[in-house]
Amino acid sequence: MTSSTNDTTVQAAGCALWRHRSAGDLELALVHRPKWDDWSWPKGKLKRGETFEEAARREVLEETGHTCRLGTRLPSARYVDHHGRPKEVRYWAAEATGGTFEPNDEVDVLVWLRPDEAHRRLTHERDRDLISLVLMAVGTDEDPLD
């Protein structure tokens, strides 16, 4: 898939990044973006010539310091961005495979939370909607609202 299917829509990609805790429970990674003062999934705009999958992995690495293995494709989010432009973000459930977070200009905090905690922390409803789909993709029977 190429970087742009519509010149007027901002194309972006990201991941609902997950890992298993030592007790076997699932944790989800959320990032805090100081520019917008919000909590979200790691995501960002595609670079010229980059595929959505490449952008999703790059954004996870840049924003969280973690590498990942892309899994199930999740529904895209479509909304109007802060500049009034239509935006499409393609998401994947992705397992963290290693790395260490370092605060940077775009992301100042990374947290690993249980699904119910992530549901409460996420700023945008469109991001909350992905949690149950991630849990299904990973094959866990956790309830995101428990």
Protein backbone atom coordinates (compact mmCIF):
# COMPACT_ATOMS: atom_id res chain seq x y z
CA MET A 1 0.00 0.00 0.00
CA THR A 2 1.37 3.40 -0.88
CA SER A 3 1.54 6.43 1.30
CA SER A 4 -1.44 8.33 -0.06
CA THR A 5 -4.74 7.39 -1.62
CA ASN A 6 -6.21 10.89 -1.51
CA ASP A 7 -4.20 14.10 -1.76
CA THR A 8 -6.59 16.02 0.52
CA THR A 9 -6.74 13.48 3.37
CA VAL A 10 -3.88 13.36 5.87
CA GLN A 11 -2.68 9.74 5.95
CA ALA A 12 -1.33 8.33 9.20
CA ALA A 13 -0.67 4.99 10.86
CA GLY A 14 -0.29 3.70 14.37
CA CYS A 15 -0.60 0.80 16.74
CA ALA A 16 -2.41 -0.33 19.82
CA LEU A 17 0.82 -1.62 21.35
CA TRP A 18 0.50 -4.44 23.88
CA ARG A 19 2.58 -6.75 26.05
CA HIS A 20 1.99 -9.43 28.68
CA ARG A 21 2.88 -8.60 32.28
CA SER A 22 4.74 -11.12 34.38
CA ALA A 23 1.40 -12.36 35.76
CA GLY A 24 0.24 -12.96 32.19
CA ASP A 25 -2.18 -10.04 32.14
CA LEU A 26 -2.24 -7.77 29.13
CA GLU A 27 -0.96 -4.20 29.23
CA LEU A 28 -1.51 -1.50 26.62
CA ALA A 29 0.91 1.34 25.87
CA LEU A 30 -0.40 4.89 25.83
CA VAL A 31 1.59 8.01 25.05
CA HIS A 32 1.14 11.53 26.35
CA ARG A 33 1.65 14.24 23.74
CA PRO A 34 2.44 17.54 25.46
CA LYS A 35 1.67 19.60 22.35
CA TRP A 36 -1.98 18.48 22.53
CA ASP A 37 -1.99 17.49 26.23
CA ASP A 38 -3.70 14.21 25.37
CA TRP A 39 -3.28 10.46 25.85
CA SER A 40 -3.38 8.34 22.71
CA TRP A 41 -1.99 5.37 20.85
CA PRO A 42 1.40 5.88 19.17
CA LYS A 43 0.71 7.16 15.67
CA GLY A 44 1.83 9.65 13.07
CA LYS A 45 1.77 10.83 9.48
CA LEU A 46 3.24 8.81 6.65
CA LYS A 47 6.46 9.98 5.04
CA ARG A 48 6.70 10.18 1.25
CA GLY A 49 6.93 6.69 -0.27
CA GLU A 50 6.32 4.96 3.06
CA THR A 51 3.68 2.23 3.44
CA PHE A 52 1.14 2.33 6.24
CA GLU A 53 2.80 -0.69 7.85
CA GLU A 54 6.25 0.93 7.73
CA ALA A 55 4.84 4.14 9.20
CA ALA A 56 3.09 2.27 12.02
CA ARG A 57 6.32 0.49 13.06
CA ARG A 58 8.38 3.70 12.72
CA GLU A 59 5.94 5.74 14.79
CA VAL A 60 5.88 3.11 17.56
CA LEU A 61 9.68 3.15 17.67
CA GLU A 62 9.94 6.96 17.59
CA GLU A 63 7.23 7.58 20.19
CA THR A 64 7.77 4.65 22.57
CA GLY A 65 11.34 3.44 21.97
CA HIS A 66 9.93 -0.05 21.36
CA THR A 67 10.07 -2.33 18.38
CA CYS A 68 6.92 -4.25 17.56
CA ARG A 69 5.40 -7.07 15.56
CA LEU A 70 2.29 -5.98 13.66
CA GLY A 71 -0.70 -8.24 14.16
CA THR A 72 -4.35 -7.82 13.27
CA ARG A 73 -5.35 -4.75 11.29
CA LEU A 74 -7.85 -2.71 13.28
CA PRO A 75 -10.48 -0.29 11.97
CA SER A 76 -9.21 3.05 10.74
CA ALA A 77 -10.08 6.25 12.54
CA ARG A 78 -11.40 9.06 10.37
CA TYR A 79 -11.77 12.56 11.76
CA VAL A 80 -10.93 16.21 11.18
CA ASP A 81 -7.49 17.14 12.57
CA HIS A 82 -6.53 20.26 14.54
CA HIS A 83 -5.96 22.13 11.26
CA GLY A 84 -9.42 21.33 9.88
CA ARG A 85 -8.16 18.69 7.44
CA PRO A 86 -9.70 15.23 7.03
CA LYS A 87 -7.42 12.59 8.53
CA GLU A 88 -7.32 8.80 8.32
CA VAL A 89 -5.28 6.75 10.78
CA ARG A 90 -4.82 3.04 10.03
CA TYR A 91 -4.20 0.98 13.15
CA TRP A 92 -2.81 -2.42 13.98
CA ALA A 93 -2.71 -4.44 17.17
CA ALA A 94 1.04 -4.83 17.72
CA GLU A 95 3.05 -6.79 20.24
CA ALA A 96 5.99 -4.96 21.81
CA THR A 97 9.17 -6.94 21.11
CA GLY A 98 11.71 -4.85 23.02
CA GLY A 99 13.02 -1.39 23.68
CA THR A 100 13.23 1.39 26.22
CA PHE A 101 11.29 4.64 26.34
CA GLU A 102 13.11 7.97 26.35
CA PRO A 103 11.04 11.18 26.64
CA ASN A 104 11.23 13.37 23.52
CA ASP A 105 9.67 16.47 21.97
CA GLU A 106 6.57 14.63 20.75
CA VAL A 107 5.97 12.27 23.68
CA ASP A 108 6.92 13.04 27.25
CA VAL A 109 5.36 10.02 29.01
CA LEU A 110 4.74 6.37 28.12
CA VAL A 111 2.52 4.28 30.40
CA TRP A 112 1.65 0.59 30.32
CA LEU A 113 -1.88 0.07 31.63
CA ARG A 114 -4.44 -2.68 32.06
CA PRO A 115 -7.25 -2.38 29.48
CA ASP A 116 -9.70 -0.87 31.98
CA GLU A 117 -7.12 1.74 33.03
CA ALA A 118 -6.29 2.51 29.39
CA HIS A 119 -10.00 2.98 28.66
CA ARG A 120 -10.22 5.62 31.40
CA ARG A 121 -6.95 7.35 30.42
CA LEU A 122 -7.43 7.70 26.66
CA THR A 123 -8.54 11.21 25.74
CA HIS A 124 -10.55 10.46 22.60
CA GLU A 125 -13.52 8.12 22.36
CA ARG A 126 -12.35 6.95 18.93
CA ASP A 127 -9.21 5.57 20.63
CA ARG A 128 -11.21 3.84 23.39
CA ASP A 129 -13.22 1.98 20.77
CA LEU A 130 -10.11 0.00 19.74
CA ILE A 131 -9.48 -1.63 23.13
CA SER A 132 -12.06 -4.43 22.86
CA LEU A 133 -10.89 -5.14 19.31
CA VAL A 134 -7.27 -5.41 20.48
CA LEU A 135 -8.32 -7.84 23.20
CA MET A 136 -10.15 -9.99 20.64
CA ALA A 137 -7.17 -9.87 18.27
CA VAL A 138 -4.79 -10.95 21.04
CA GLY A 139 -7.17 -13.67 22.16
CA THR A 140 -7.69 -12.59 25.76
CA ASP A 141 -10.98 -12.78 27.59
CA GLU A 142 -10.34 -9.59 29.60
CA ASP A 143 -13.17 -7.07 29.75
CA PRO A 144 -11.88 -3.58 28.90
CA LEU A 145 -14.27 -2.02 31.40
CA ASP A 146 -13.58 -4.27 34.42
